[in-house]
Amino acid sequence: MKGNMEERAVKLAQYIIENRATVRSAAAKFGVSKSTVHKDIRERLPAFNRPLYLQAKAVLDENKAQRHIRGGIATRRKYKGK
């Protein structure tokens, strides 16, 4: 998904908000790196669409707060064979 960076940033933010998506899943969906997702959301988006940035930031902050729990669940599944 090359092309207009602002358009990509808006589409990424909308996807993250609508699907409560993680950075990793958004990057996989759009075929870009996690670094690109972070740069688009955290640096480019606030410059031209602050309300959308704040919504996407809320989802990303929630995901960040929960990631240690998800990691523990994944480890448990790995070693219990589920």
PDB file of N, CA and C in Angstrom:
ATOM      1  N   MET A   1       0.846  -1.187   0.000  1.00  0.00           N
ATOM      2  CA  MET A   1       0.000   0.000   0.000  1.00  0.00           C
ATOM      3  C   MET A   1       0.887   1.244   0.000  1.00  0.00           C
ATOM      4  N   LYS A   2       1.537   1.447  -1.099  1.00  0.00           N
ATOM      5  CA  LYS A   2       2.378   2.637  -1.253  1.00  0.00           C
ATOM      6  C   LYS A   2       1.497   3.822  -1.623  1.00  0.00           C
ATOM      7  N   GLY A   3       2.118   4.964  -1.800  1.00  0.00           N
ATOM      8  CA  GLY A   3       1.351   6.110  -2.259  1.00  0.00           C
ATOM      9  C   GLY A   3       1.255   7.194  -1.217  1.00  0.00           C
ATOM     10  N   ASN A   4       0.116   7.801  -1.146  1.00  0.00           N
ATOM     11  CA  ASN A   4      -0.116   8.938  -0.282  1.00  0.00           C
ATOM     12  C   ASN A   4      -0.038   8.531   1.198  1.00  0.00           C
ATOM     13  N   MET A   5       0.931   9.085   1.908  1.00  0.00           N
ATOM     14  CA  MET A   5       1.143   8.716   3.312  1.00  0.00           C
ATOM     15  C   MET A   5      -0.014   9.145   4.202  1.00  0.00           C
ATOM     16  N   GLU A   6      -0.600  10.300   3.914  1.00  0.00           N
ATOM     17  CA  GLU A   6      -1.713  10.773   4.727  1.00  0.00           C
ATOM     18  C   GLU A   6      -2.918   9.858   4.583  1.00  0.00           C
ATOM     19  N   GLU A   7      -3.175   9.430   3.343  1.00  0.00           N
ATOM     20  CA  GLU A   7      -4.293   8.519   3.085  1.00  0.00           C
ATOM     21  C   GLU A   7      -4.068   7.187   3.801  1.00  0.00           C
ATOM     22  N   ARG A   8      -2.831   6.679   3.735  1.00  0.00           N
ATOM     23  CA  ARG A   8      -2.500   5.424   4.406  1.00  0.00           C
ATOM     24  C   ARG A   8      -2.662   5.560   5.915  1.00  0.00           C
ATOM     25  N   ALA A   9      -2.248   6.685   6.467  1.00  0.00           N
ATOM     26  CA  ALA A   9      -2.366   6.910   7.906  1.00  0.00           C
ATOM     27  C   ALA A   9      -3.828   6.908   8.329  1.00  0.00           C
ATOM     28  N   VAL A  10      -4.685   7.538   7.540  1.00  0.00           N
ATOM     29  CA  VAL A  10      -6.116   7.573   7.861  1.00  0.00           C
ATOM     30  C   VAL A  10      -6.710   6.174   7.788  1.00  0.00           C
ATOM     31  N   LYS A  11      -6.367   5.420   6.742  1.00  0.00           N
ATOM     32  CA  LYS A  11      -6.900   4.058   6.602  1.00  0.00           C
ATOM     33  C   LYS A  11      -6.420   3.163   7.734  1.00  0.00           C
ATOM     34  N   LEU A  12      -5.159   3.290   8.114  1.00  0.00           N
ATOM     35  CA  LEU A  12      -4.641   2.511   9.239  1.00  0.00           C
ATOM     36  C   LEU A  12      -5.387   2.850  10.521  1.00  0.00           C
ATOM     37  N   ALA A  13      -5.571   4.127  10.775  1.00  0.00           N
ATOM     38  CA  ALA A  13      -6.263   4.555  11.992  1.00  0.00           C
ATOM     39  C   ALA A  13      -7.698   4.049  12.013  1.00  0.00           C
ATOM     40  N   GLN A  14      -8.394   4.142  10.892  1.00  0.00           N
ATOM     41  CA  GLN A  14      -9.764   3.658  10.829  1.00  0.00           C
ATOM     42  C   GLN A  14      -9.829   2.158  11.075  1.00  0.00           C
ATOM     43  N   TYR A  15      -8.890   1.414  10.499  1.00  0.00           N
ATOM     44  CA  TYR A  15      -8.852  -0.035  10.701  1.00  0.00           C
ATOM     45  C   TYR A  15      -8.611  -0.370  12.174  1.00  0.00           C
ATOM     46  N   ILE A  16      -7.669   0.323  12.787  1.00  0.00           N
ATOM     47  CA  ILE A  16      -7.345   0.074  14.193  1.00  0.00           C
ATOM     48  C   ILE A  16      -8.550   0.372  15.082  1.00  0.00           C
ATOM     49  N   ILE A  17      -9.237   1.464  14.813  1.00  0.00           N
ATOM     50  CA  ILE A  17     -10.393   1.850  15.627  1.00  0.00           C
ATOM     51  C   ILE A  17     -11.549   0.873  15.440  1.00  0.00           C
ATOM     52  N   GLU A  18     -11.882   0.555  14.197  1.00  0.00           N
ATOM     53  CA  GLU A  18     -13.030  -0.309  13.910  1.00  0.00           C
ATOM     54  C   GLU A  18     -12.840  -1.727  14.417  1.00  0.00           C
ATOM     55  N   ASN A  19     -11.609  -2.240  14.350  1.00  0.00           N
ATOM     56  CA  ASN A  19     -11.351  -3.635  14.701  1.00  0.00           C
ATOM     57  C   ASN A  19     -10.648  -3.808  16.036  1.00  0.00           C
ATOM     58  N   ARG A  20     -10.409  -2.689  16.740  1.00  0.00           N
ATOM     59  CA  ARG A  20      -9.653  -2.741  17.993  1.00  0.00           C
ATOM     60  C   ARG A  20      -8.344  -3.502  17.759  1.00  0.00           C
ATOM     61  N   ALA A  21      -7.721  -3.232  16.627  1.00  0.00           N
ATOM     62  CA  ALA A  21      -6.573  -3.997  16.146  1.00  0.00           C
ATOM     63  C   ALA A  21      -5.278  -3.591  16.826  1.00  0.00           C
ATOM     64  N   THR A  22      -4.344  -4.520  16.834  1.00  0.00           N
ATOM     65  CA  THR A  22      -3.002  -4.244  17.324  1.00  0.00           C
ATOM     66  C   THR A  22      -2.162  -3.688  16.178  1.00  0.00           C
ATOM     67  N   VAL A  23      -1.022  -3.139  16.517  1.00  0.00           N
ATOM     68  CA  VAL A  23      -0.104  -2.621  15.502  1.00  0.00           C
ATOM     69  C   VAL A  23       0.324  -3.756  14.578  1.00  0.00           C
ATOM     70  N   ARG A  24       0.611  -4.906  15.158  1.00  0.00           N
ATOM     71  CA  ARG A  24       1.058  -6.059  14.374  1.00  0.00           C
ATOM     72  C   ARG A  24      -0.002  -6.505  13.371  1.00  0.00           C
ATOM     73  N   SER A  25      -1.251  -6.589  13.814  1.00  0.00           N
ATOM     74  CA  SER A  25      -2.308  -7.040  12.902  1.00  0.00           C
ATOM     75  C   SER A  25      -2.596  -5.989  11.819  1.00  0.00           C
ATOM     76  N   ALA A  26      -2.522  -4.721  12.171  1.00  0.00           N
ATOM     77  CA  ALA A  26      -2.725  -3.658  11.177  1.00  0.00           C
ATOM     78  C   ALA A  26      -1.605  -3.690  10.137  1.00  0.00           C
ATOM     79  N   ALA A  27      -0.379  -3.905  10.591  1.00  0.00           N
ATOM     80  CA  ALA A  27       0.755  -3.969   9.668  1.00  0.00           C
ATOM     81  C   ALA A  27       0.592  -5.146   8.704  1.00  0.00           C
ATOM     82  N   ALA A  28       0.162  -6.288   9.218  1.00  0.00           N
ATOM     83  CA  ALA A  28      -0.039  -7.457   8.368  1.00  0.00           C
ATOM     84  C   ALA A  28      -1.162  -7.220   7.365  1.00  0.00           C
ATOM     85  N   LYS A  29      -2.231  -6.607   7.793  1.00  0.00           N
ATOM     86  CA  LYS A  29      -3.388  -6.350   6.923  1.00  0.00           C
ATOM     87  C   LYS A  29      -3.021  -5.428   5.758  1.00  0.00           C
ATOM     88  N   PHE A  30      -2.215  -4.391   6.021  1.00  0.00           N
ATOM     89  CA  PHE A  30      -1.892  -3.401   5.002  1.00  0.00           C
ATOM     90  C   PHE A  30      -0.561  -3.674   4.302  1.00  0.00           C
ATOM     91  N   GLY A  31       0.156  -4.702   4.723  1.00  0.00           N
ATOM     92  CA  GLY A  31       1.409  -5.053   4.066  1.00  0.00           C
ATOM     93  C   GLY A  31       2.527  -4.056   4.290  1.00  0.00           C
ATOM     94  N   VAL A  32       2.556  -3.471   5.475  1.00  0.00           N
ATOM     95  CA  VAL A  32       3.624  -2.542   5.846  1.00  0.00           C
ATOM     96  C   VAL A  32       4.264  -3.034   7.139  1.00  0.00           C
ATOM     97  N   SER A  33       5.350  -2.396   7.534  1.00  0.00           N
ATOM     98  CA  SER A  33       6.025  -2.804   8.755  1.00  0.00           C
ATOM     99  C   SER A  33       5.352  -2.184   9.980  1.00  0.00           C
ATOM    100  N   LYS A  34       5.646  -2.750  11.146  1.00  0.00           N
ATOM    101  CA  LYS A  34       5.120  -2.188  12.392  1.00  0.00           C
ATOM    102  C   LYS A  34       5.653  -0.772  12.601  1.00  0.00           C
ATOM    103  N   SER A  35       6.889  -0.535  12.184  1.00  0.00           N
ATOM    104  CA  SER A  35       7.477   0.797  12.304  1.00  0.00           C
ATOM    105  C   SER A  35       6.705   1.818  11.478  1.00  0.00           C
ATOM    106  N   THR A  36       6.269   1.412  10.296  1.00  0.00           N
ATOM    107  CA  THR A  36       5.488   2.301   9.438  1.00  0.00           C
ATOM    108  C   THR A  36       4.153   2.629  10.088  1.00  0.00           C
ATOM    109  N   VAL A  37       3.511   1.631  10.695  1.00  0.00           N
ATOM    110  CA  VAL A  37       2.238   1.872  11.373  1.00  0.00           C
ATOM    111  C   VAL A  37       2.443   2.867  12.503  1.00  0.00           C
ATOM    112  N   HIS A  38       3.466   2.652  13.311  1.00  0.00           N
ATOM    113  CA  HIS A  38       3.745   3.568  14.420  1.00  0.00           C
ATOM    114  C   HIS A  38       4.003   4.982  13.897  1.00  0.00           C
ATOM    115  N   LYS A  39       4.832   5.103  12.882  1.00  0.00           N
ATOM    116  CA  LYS A  39       5.175   6.425  12.348  1.00  0.00           C
ATOM    117  C   LYS A  39       3.937   7.122  11.779  1.00  0.00           C
ATOM    118  N   ASP A  40       3.126   6.377  11.044  1.00  0.00           N
ATOM    119  CA  ASP A  40       1.918   6.965  10.467  1.00  0.00           C
ATOM    120  C   ASP A  40       0.950   7.431  11.555  1.00  0.00           C
ATOM    121  N   ILE A  41       0.742   6.612  12.558  1.00  0.00           N
ATOM    122  CA  ILE A  41      -0.243   6.941  13.592  1.00  0.00           C
ATOM    123  C   ILE A  41       0.297   7.988  14.562  1.00  0.00           C
ATOM    124  N   ARG A  42       1.489   7.804  15.056  1.00  0.00           N
ATOM    125  CA  ARG A  42       2.022   8.671  16.110  1.00  0.00           C
ATOM    126  C   ARG A  42       2.592  10.003  15.610  1.00  0.00           C
ATOM    127  N   GLU A  43       3.100  10.048  14.382  1.00  0.00           N
ATOM    128  CA  GLU A  43       3.743  11.274  13.896  1.00  0.00           C
ATOM    129  C   GLU A  43       2.967  11.973  12.791  1.00  0.00           C
ATOM    130  N   ARG A  44       2.532  11.234  11.784  1.00  0.00           N
ATOM    131  CA  ARG A  44       1.894  11.873  10.634  1.00  0.00           C
ATOM    132  C   ARG A  44       0.443  12.244  10.888  1.00  0.00           C
ATOM    133  N   LEU A  45      -0.325  11.340  11.491  1.00  0.00           N
ATOM    134  CA  LEU A  45      -1.760  11.564  11.662  1.00  0.00           C
ATOM    135  C   LEU A  45      -2.094  12.791  12.507  1.00  0.00           C
ATOM    136  N   PRO A  46      -1.412  13.052  13.631  1.00  0.00           N
ATOM    137  CA  PRO A  46      -1.784  14.228  14.435  1.00  0.00           C
ATOM    138  C   PRO A  46      -1.626  15.559  13.694  1.00  0.00           C
ATOM    139  N   ALA A  47      -0.790  15.580  12.686  1.00  0.00           N
ATOM    140  CA  ALA A  47      -0.543  16.821  11.952  1.00  0.00           C
ATOM    141  C   ALA A  47      -1.750  17.277  11.137  1.00  0.00           C
ATOM    142  N   PHE A  48      -2.589  16.327  10.710  1.00  0.00           N
ATOM    143  CA  PHE A  48      -3.702  16.735   9.849  1.00  0.00           C
ATOM    144  C   PHE A  48      -5.064  16.201  10.271  1.00  0.00           C
ATOM    145  N   ASN A  49      -5.122  15.283  11.237  1.00  0.00           N
ATOM    146  CA  ASN A  49      -6.423  14.782  11.695  1.00  0.00           C
ATOM    147  C   ASN A  49      -6.325  14.407  13.168  1.00  0.00           C
ATOM    148  N   ARG A  50      -6.299  15.387  14.020  1.00  0.00           N
ATOM    149  CA  ARG A  50      -6.112  15.175  15.462  1.00  0.00           C
ATOM    150  C   ARG A  50      -7.224  14.328  16.105  1.00  0.00           C
ATOM    151  N   PRO A  51      -8.502  14.542  15.790  1.00  0.00           N
ATOM    152  CA  PRO A  51      -9.552  13.710  16.421  1.00  0.00           C
ATOM    153  C   PRO A  51      -9.398  12.219  16.110  1.00  0.00           C
ATOM    154  N   LEU A  52      -9.069  11.898  14.865  1.00  0.00           N
ATOM    155  CA  LEU A  52      -8.872  10.499  14.492  1.00  0.00           C
ATOM    156  C   LEU A  52      -7.645   9.937  15.204  1.00  0.00           C
ATOM    157  N   TYR A  53      -6.592  10.733  15.306  1.00  0.00           N
ATOM    158  CA  TYR A  53      -5.393  10.319  16.026  1.00  0.00           C
ATOM    159  C   TYR A  53      -5.712   9.973  17.475  1.00  0.00           C
ATOM    160  N   LEU A  54      -6.508  10.803  18.136  1.00  0.00           N
ATOM    161  CA  LEU A  54      -6.829  10.557  19.541  1.00  0.00           C
ATOM    162  C   LEU A  54      -7.614   9.259  19.730  1.00  0.00           C
ATOM    163  N   GLN A  55      -8.502   8.953  18.795  1.00  0.00           N
ATOM    164  CA  GLN A  55      -9.250   7.697  18.875  1.00  0.00           C
ATOM    165  C   GLN A  55      -8.321   6.496  18.678  1.00  0.00           C
ATOM    166  N   ALA A  56      -7.459   6.566  17.672  1.00  0.00           N
ATOM    167  CA  ALA A  56      -6.526   5.470  17.404  1.00  0.00           C
ATOM    168  C   ALA A  56      -5.542   5.311  18.555  1.00  0.00           C
ATOM    169  N   LYS A  57      -5.084   6.424  19.111  1.00  0.00           N
ATOM    170  CA  LYS A  57      -4.153   6.386  20.234  1.00  0.00           C
ATOM    171  C   LYS A  57      -4.779   5.687  21.436  1.00  0.00           C
ATOM    172  N   ALA A  58      -6.053   5.922  21.675  1.00  0.00           N
ATOM    173  CA  ALA A  58      -6.738   5.271  22.795  1.00  0.00           C
ATOM    174  C   ALA A  58      -6.734   3.750  22.632  1.00  0.00           C
ATOM    175  N   VAL A  59      -6.987   3.275  21.422  1.00  0.00           N
ATOM    176  CA  VAL A  59      -6.978   1.833  21.162  1.00  0.00           C
ATOM    177  C   VAL A  59      -5.566   1.278  21.338  1.00  0.00           C
ATOM    178  N   LEU A  60      -4.569   1.967  20.786  1.00  0.00           N
ATOM    179  CA  LEU A  60      -3.191   1.485  20.896  1.00  0.00           C
ATOM    180  C   LEU A  60      -2.706   1.490  22.346  1.00  0.00           C
ATOM    181  N   ASP A  61      -3.102   2.494  23.112  1.00  0.00           N
ATOM    182  CA  ASP A  61      -2.719   2.537  24.526  1.00  0.00           C
ATOM    183  C   ASP A  61      -3.372   1.393  25.307  1.00  0.00           C
ATOM    184  N   GLU A  62      -4.622   1.094  24.981  1.00  0.00           N
ATOM    185  CA  GLU A  62      -5.310  -0.030  25.632  1.00  0.00           C
ATOM    186  C   GLU A  62      -4.606  -1.345  25.294  1.00  0.00           C
ATOM    187  N   ASN A  63      -4.249  -1.523  24.021  1.00  0.00           N
ATOM    188  CA  ASN A  63      -3.537  -2.738  23.609  1.00  0.00           C
ATOM    189  C   ASN A  63      -2.192  -2.850  24.312  1.00  0.00           C
ATOM    190  N   LYS A  64      -1.517  -1.737  24.469  1.00  0.00           N
ATOM    191  CA  LYS A  64      -0.212  -1.751  25.137  1.00  0.00           C
ATOM    192  C   LYS A  64      -0.364  -2.148  26.602  1.00  0.00           C
ATOM    193  N   ALA A  65      -1.427  -1.670  27.226  1.00  0.00           N
ATOM    194  CA  ALA A  65      -1.654  -2.010  28.636  1.00  0.00           C
ATOM    195  C   ALA A  65      -1.994  -3.488  28.814  1.00  0.00           C
ATOM    196  N   GLN A  66      -2.537  -4.117  27.793  1.00  0.00           N
ATOM    197  CA  GLN A  66      -2.958  -5.511  27.898  1.00  0.00           C
ATOM    198  C   GLN A  66      -1.939  -6.501  27.350  1.00  0.00           C
ATOM    199  N   ARG A  67      -0.877  -6.026  26.739  1.00  0.00           N
ATOM    200  CA  ARG A  67      -0.003  -6.960  26.030  1.00  0.00           C
ATOM    201  C   ARG A  67       0.702  -7.953  26.942  1.00  0.00           C
ATOM    202  N   HIS A  68       1.011  -7.575  28.169  1.00  0.00           N
ATOM    203  CA  HIS A  68       1.669  -8.531  29.067  1.00  0.00           C
ATOM    204  C   HIS A  68       0.719  -9.668  29.430  1.00  0.00           C
ATOM    205  N   ILE A  69      -0.564  -9.384  29.469  1.00  0.00           N
ATOM    206  CA  ILE A  69      -1.549 -10.428  29.747  1.00  0.00           C
ATOM    207  C   ILE A  69      -1.658 -11.378  28.557  1.00  0.00           C
ATOM    208  N   ARG A  70      -1.704 -10.807  27.346  1.00  0.00           N
ATOM    209  CA  ARG A  70      -1.768 -11.647  26.134  1.00  0.00           C
ATOM    210  C   ARG A  70      -0.541 -12.540  26.017  1.00  0.00           C
ATOM    211  N   GLY A  71       0.613 -12.005  26.375  1.00  0.00           N
ATOM    212  CA  GLY A  71       1.837 -12.799  26.326  1.00  0.00           C
ATOM    213  C   GLY A  71       1.789 -13.974  27.282  1.00  0.00           C
ATOM    214  N   GLY A  72       1.252 -13.744  28.483  1.00  0.00           N
ATOM    215  CA  GLY A  72       1.120 -14.825  29.453  1.00  0.00           C
ATOM    216  C   GLY A  72       0.165 -15.904  28.983  1.00  0.00           C
ATOM    217  N   ILE A  73      -0.925 -15.492  28.370  1.00  0.00           N
ATOM    218  CA  ILE A  73      -1.907 -16.453  27.850  1.00  0.00           C
ATOM    219  C   ILE A  73      -1.284 -17.279  26.727  1.00  0.00           C
ATOM    220  N   ALA A  74      -0.533 -16.632  25.843  1.00  0.00           N
ATOM    221  CA  ALA A  74       0.120 -17.344  24.738  1.00  0.00           C
ATOM    222  C   ALA A  74       1.138 -18.349  25.268  1.00  0.00           C
ATOM    223  N   THR A  75       1.881 -17.970  26.290  1.00  0.00           N
ATOM    224  CA  THR A  75       2.867 -18.883  26.869  1.00  0.00           C
ATOM    225  C   THR A  75       2.178 -20.080  27.522  1.00  0.00           C
ATOM    226  N   ARG A  76       1.094 -19.826  28.215  1.00  0.00           N
ATOM    227  CA  ARG A  76       0.339 -20.916  28.837  1.00  0.00           C
ATOM    228  C   ARG A  76      -0.164 -21.897  27.782  1.00  0.00           C
ATOM    229  N   ARG A  77      -0.713 -21.369  26.689  1.00  0.00           N
ATOM    230  CA  ARG A  77      -1.202 -22.239  25.613  1.00  0.00           C
ATOM    231  C   ARG A  77      -0.059 -23.057  25.016  1.00  0.00           C
ATOM    232  N   LYS A  78       1.084 -22.428  24.860  1.00  0.00           N
ATOM    233  CA  LYS A  78       2.230 -23.099  24.271  1.00  0.00           C
ATOM    234  C   LYS A  78       2.647 -24.311  25.087  1.00  0.00           C
ATOM    235  N   TYR A  79       2.702 -24.150  26.400  1.00  0.00           N
ATOM    236  CA  TYR A  79       3.223 -25.228  27.236  1.00  0.00           C
ATOM    237  C   TYR A  79       2.148 -26.198  27.699  1.00  0.00           C
ATOM    238  N   LYS A  80       0.884 -25.836  27.586  1.00  0.00           N
ATOM    239  CA  LYS A  80      -0.190 -26.780  27.920  1.00  0.00           C
ATOM    240  C   LYS A  80      -0.677 -27.522  26.688  1.00  0.00           C
ATOM    241  N   GLY A  81      -0.210 -27.118  25.524  1.00  0.00           N
ATOM    242  CA  GLY A  81      -0.561 -27.828  24.313  1.00  0.00           C
ATOM    243  C   GLY A  81      -1.929 -27.493  23.751  1.00  0.00           C
ATOM    244  N   LYS A  82      -2.418 -26.298  24.019  1.00  0.00           N
ATOM    245  CA  LYS A  82      -3.742 -25.923  23.489  1.00  0.00           C
ATOM    246  C   LYS A  82      -3.609 -24.900  22.418  1.00  0.00           C
TER     247      LYS A  82
END
